[in-house]
Amino acid sequence: MSRQRMNRYPKPLLSVEETAILLGETRSTLYRAVKARTIPLPAIWISERFRIHRARCTVLVARLGIRLT
C-alpha cells in the first residue's frame, strides 16, 4: 500500500507492513523489533496479526523527524 493511499484513508490500526512504510524500514526489521520489544510502539495481536496504533506511530514519526510525502 502506498503512503499516499494510507494518508487518504486513515485507519486507527496499522499493519506491520504499513507501519514499516511510514518509518522507512523493512517489514522484517519491524517484525523483529516488535517481537523483541525494542521499538517504542505497542503492538496489538489481532486474529494472528500484529497491529499498531496509527496515532502512536504518527507521534513517533514526528519525534524522529521523518518527513511524510
N, C-alpha and C. Protein backbone atom coordinates (compact mmCIF):
# COMPACT_ATOMS: atom_id res chain seq x y z
N MET A 1 0.85 -1.17 0.00
CA MET A 1 0.00 0.00 0.00
C MET A 1 0.90 1.23 0.00
N SER A 2 0.58 2.19 -0.82
CA SER A 2 1.41 3.39 -0.91
C SER A 2 1.14 4.33 0.25
N ARG A 3 2.13 5.15 0.56
CA ARG A 3 1.99 6.13 1.65
C ARG A 3 0.87 7.10 1.34
N GLN A 4 0.74 7.49 0.07
CA GLN A 4 -0.31 8.44 -0.33
C GLN A 4 -1.69 7.85 -0.06
N ARG A 5 -1.88 6.60 -0.38
CA ARG A 5 -3.18 5.96 -0.16
C ARG A 5 -3.46 5.83 1.33
N MET A 6 -2.42 5.54 2.14
CA MET A 6 -2.60 5.42 3.58
C MET A 6 -3.04 6.74 4.19
N ASN A 7 -2.51 7.86 3.68
CA ASN A 7 -2.88 9.17 4.21
C ASN A 7 -4.30 9.55 3.82
N ARG A 8 -4.75 9.08 2.68
CA ARG A 8 -6.09 9.42 2.19
C ARG A 8 -7.18 8.68 2.97
N TYR A 9 -6.89 7.47 3.42
CA TYR A 9 -7.86 6.65 4.14
C TYR A 9 -7.27 6.21 5.48
N PRO A 10 -7.20 7.13 6.44
CA PRO A 10 -6.57 6.77 7.71
C PRO A 10 -7.37 5.71 8.47
N LYS A 11 -6.66 4.73 8.99
CA LYS A 11 -7.25 3.69 9.81
C LYS A 11 -6.68 3.83 11.21
N PRO A 12 -7.42 3.48 12.24
CA PRO A 12 -6.88 3.63 13.59
C PRO A 12 -5.75 2.65 13.89
N LEU A 13 -5.76 1.48 13.24
CA LEU A 13 -4.71 0.50 13.45
C LEU A 13 -4.00 0.21 12.13
N LEU A 14 -2.69 0.09 12.20
CA LEU A 14 -1.89 -0.18 11.01
C LEU A 14 -1.30 -1.58 11.08
N SER A 15 -1.11 -2.18 9.93
CA SER A 15 -0.40 -3.46 9.87
C SER A 15 1.09 -3.18 10.03
N VAL A 16 1.85 -4.23 10.23
CA VAL A 16 3.30 -4.07 10.34
C VAL A 16 3.85 -3.52 9.02
N GLU A 17 3.32 -3.98 7.92
CA GLU A 17 3.78 -3.50 6.61
C GLU A 17 3.53 -2.00 6.44
N GLU A 18 2.34 -1.54 6.82
CA GLU A 18 2.00 -0.12 6.71
C GLU A 18 2.88 0.73 7.63
N THR A 19 3.12 0.23 8.84
CA THR A 19 3.97 0.94 9.79
C THR A 19 5.40 1.00 9.27
N ALA A 20 5.87 -0.07 8.68
CA ALA A 20 7.22 -0.10 8.12
C ALA A 20 7.37 0.95 7.02
N ILE A 21 6.35 1.12 6.20
CA ILE A 21 6.39 2.13 5.15
C ILE A 21 6.52 3.52 5.77
N LEU A 22 5.72 3.80 6.79
CA LEU A 22 5.78 5.11 7.43
C LEU A 22 7.13 5.38 8.07
N LEU A 23 7.73 4.34 8.67
CA LEU A 23 9.01 4.51 9.36
C LEU A 23 10.21 4.38 8.43
N GLY A 24 9.98 3.95 7.20
CA GLY A 24 11.08 3.79 6.26
C GLY A 24 11.94 2.58 6.57
N GLU A 25 11.34 1.56 7.14
CA GLU A 25 12.03 0.31 7.48
C GLU A 25 11.46 -0.83 6.66
N THR A 26 12.14 -1.96 6.70
CA THR A 26 11.59 -3.14 6.04
C THR A 26 10.59 -3.81 6.97
N ARG A 27 9.73 -4.58 6.40
CA ARG A 27 8.74 -5.31 7.19
C ARG A 27 9.42 -6.28 8.15
N SER A 28 10.47 -6.95 7.68
CA SER A 28 11.19 -7.91 8.51
C SER A 28 11.83 -7.24 9.72
N THR A 29 12.43 -6.07 9.50
CA THR A 29 13.06 -5.34 10.60
C THR A 29 12.02 -4.95 11.63
N LEU A 30 10.86 -4.50 11.18
CA LEU A 30 9.83 -4.08 12.11
C LEU A 30 9.26 -5.28 12.87
N TYR A 31 9.07 -6.41 12.20
CA TYR A 31 8.61 -7.61 12.91
C TYR A 31 9.59 -8.00 14.01
N ARG A 32 10.89 -7.98 13.70
CA ARG A 32 11.89 -8.31 14.72
C ARG A 32 11.84 -7.34 15.89
N ALA A 33 11.68 -6.05 15.59
CA ALA A 33 11.63 -5.03 16.65
C ALA A 33 10.39 -5.20 17.52
N VAL A 34 9.27 -5.53 16.90
CA VAL A 34 8.03 -5.74 17.66
C VAL A 34 8.16 -6.96 18.56
N LYS A 35 8.68 -8.05 18.02
CA LYS A 35 8.83 -9.28 18.80
C LYS A 35 9.85 -9.11 19.93
N ALA A 36 10.91 -8.34 19.68
CA ALA A 36 11.95 -8.12 20.70
C ALA A 36 11.58 -6.98 21.64
N ARG A 37 10.50 -6.28 21.32
CA ARG A 37 10.03 -5.13 22.11
C ARG A 37 11.09 -4.03 22.21
N THR A 38 11.77 -3.80 21.10
CA THR A 38 12.79 -2.75 21.05
C THR A 38 12.31 -1.50 20.35
N ILE A 39 11.08 -1.49 19.91
CA ILE A 39 10.51 -0.31 19.25
C ILE A 39 9.48 0.29 20.21
N PRO A 40 9.47 1.61 20.37
CA PRO A 40 8.57 2.23 21.35
C PRO A 40 7.13 2.35 20.86
N LEU A 41 6.64 1.31 20.23
CA LEU A 41 5.25 1.27 19.77
C LEU A 41 4.61 0.00 20.29
N PRO A 42 3.51 0.13 21.03
CA PRO A 42 2.83 -1.08 21.48
C PRO A 42 2.14 -1.77 20.31
N ALA A 43 2.36 -3.04 20.19
CA ALA A 43 1.72 -3.83 19.14
C ALA A 43 0.59 -4.65 19.75
N ILE A 44 -0.50 -4.73 19.03
CA ILE A 44 -1.67 -5.48 19.46
C ILE A 44 -1.77 -6.72 18.58
N TRP A 45 -2.05 -7.83 19.19
CA TRP A 45 -2.21 -9.08 18.46
C TRP A 45 -3.69 -9.26 18.16
N ILE A 46 -4.08 -9.17 16.88
CA ILE A 46 -5.48 -9.33 16.47
C ILE A 46 -5.54 -10.38 15.37
N SER A 47 -6.31 -11.40 15.61
CA SER A 47 -6.51 -12.52 14.67
C SER A 47 -5.20 -12.92 13.99
N GLU A 48 -4.24 -13.29 14.81
CA GLU A 48 -2.95 -13.82 14.38
C GLU A 48 -2.08 -12.82 13.61
N ARG A 49 -2.33 -11.53 13.81
CA ARG A 49 -1.52 -10.49 13.15
C ARG A 49 -1.26 -9.36 14.13
N PHE A 50 -0.10 -8.73 13.97
CA PHE A 50 0.22 -7.57 14.77
C PHE A 50 -0.46 -6.34 14.18
N ARG A 51 -0.97 -5.47 15.03
CA ARG A 51 -1.50 -4.18 14.62
C ARG A 51 -0.88 -3.12 15.52
N ILE A 52 -0.67 -1.93 14.97
CA ILE A 52 -0.02 -0.84 15.69
C ILE A 52 -0.90 0.39 15.58
N HIS A 53 -1.09 1.10 16.69
CA HIS A 53 -1.92 2.30 16.70
C HIS A 53 -1.33 3.37 15.79
N ARG A 54 -2.14 3.86 14.87
CA ARG A 54 -1.71 4.92 13.95
C ARG A 54 -1.28 6.16 14.71
N ALA A 55 -2.04 6.56 15.73
CA ALA A 55 -1.72 7.78 16.47
C ALA A 55 -0.34 7.69 17.12
N ARG A 56 -0.02 6.54 17.71
CA ARG A 56 1.28 6.37 18.35
C ARG A 56 2.40 6.38 17.30
N CYS A 57 2.12 5.79 16.16
CA CYS A 57 3.11 5.77 15.08
C CYS A 57 3.35 7.18 14.57
N THR A 58 2.29 7.97 14.45
CA THR A 58 2.41 9.35 13.98
C THR A 58 3.26 10.18 14.95
N VAL A 59 3.06 9.97 16.26
CA VAL A 59 3.86 10.67 17.26
C VAL A 59 5.33 10.29 17.13
N LEU A 60 5.60 8.99 16.95
CA LEU A 60 6.99 8.54 16.80
C LEU A 60 7.62 9.14 15.55
N VAL A 61 6.88 9.16 14.46
CA VAL A 61 7.39 9.73 13.21
C VAL A 61 7.74 11.21 13.41
N ALA A 62 6.88 11.95 14.10
CA ALA A 62 7.14 13.37 14.37
C ALA A 62 8.36 13.54 15.27
N ARG A 63 8.47 12.69 16.28
CA ARG A 63 9.60 12.78 17.21
C ARG A 63 10.92 12.47 16.51
N LEU A 64 10.90 11.54 15.57
CA LEU A 64 12.11 11.17 14.85
C LEU A 64 12.43 12.13 13.70
N GLY A 65 11.47 12.99 13.37
CA GLY A 65 11.68 13.96 12.30
C GLY A 65 11.60 13.37 10.91
N ILE A 66 10.83 12.30 10.75
CA ILE A 66 10.66 11.65 9.45
C ILE A 66 9.65 12.46 8.64
N ARG A 67 10.01 12.83 7.43
CA ARG A 67 9.10 13.58 6.57
C ARG A 67 8.19 12.64 5.82
N LEU A 68 6.89 12.90 5.91
CA LEU A 68 5.91 12.12 5.16
C LEU A 68 5.58 12.86 3.89
N THR A 69 5.68 12.17 2.77
CA THR A 69 5.38 12.82 1.49
C THR A 69 4.18 12.20 0.85
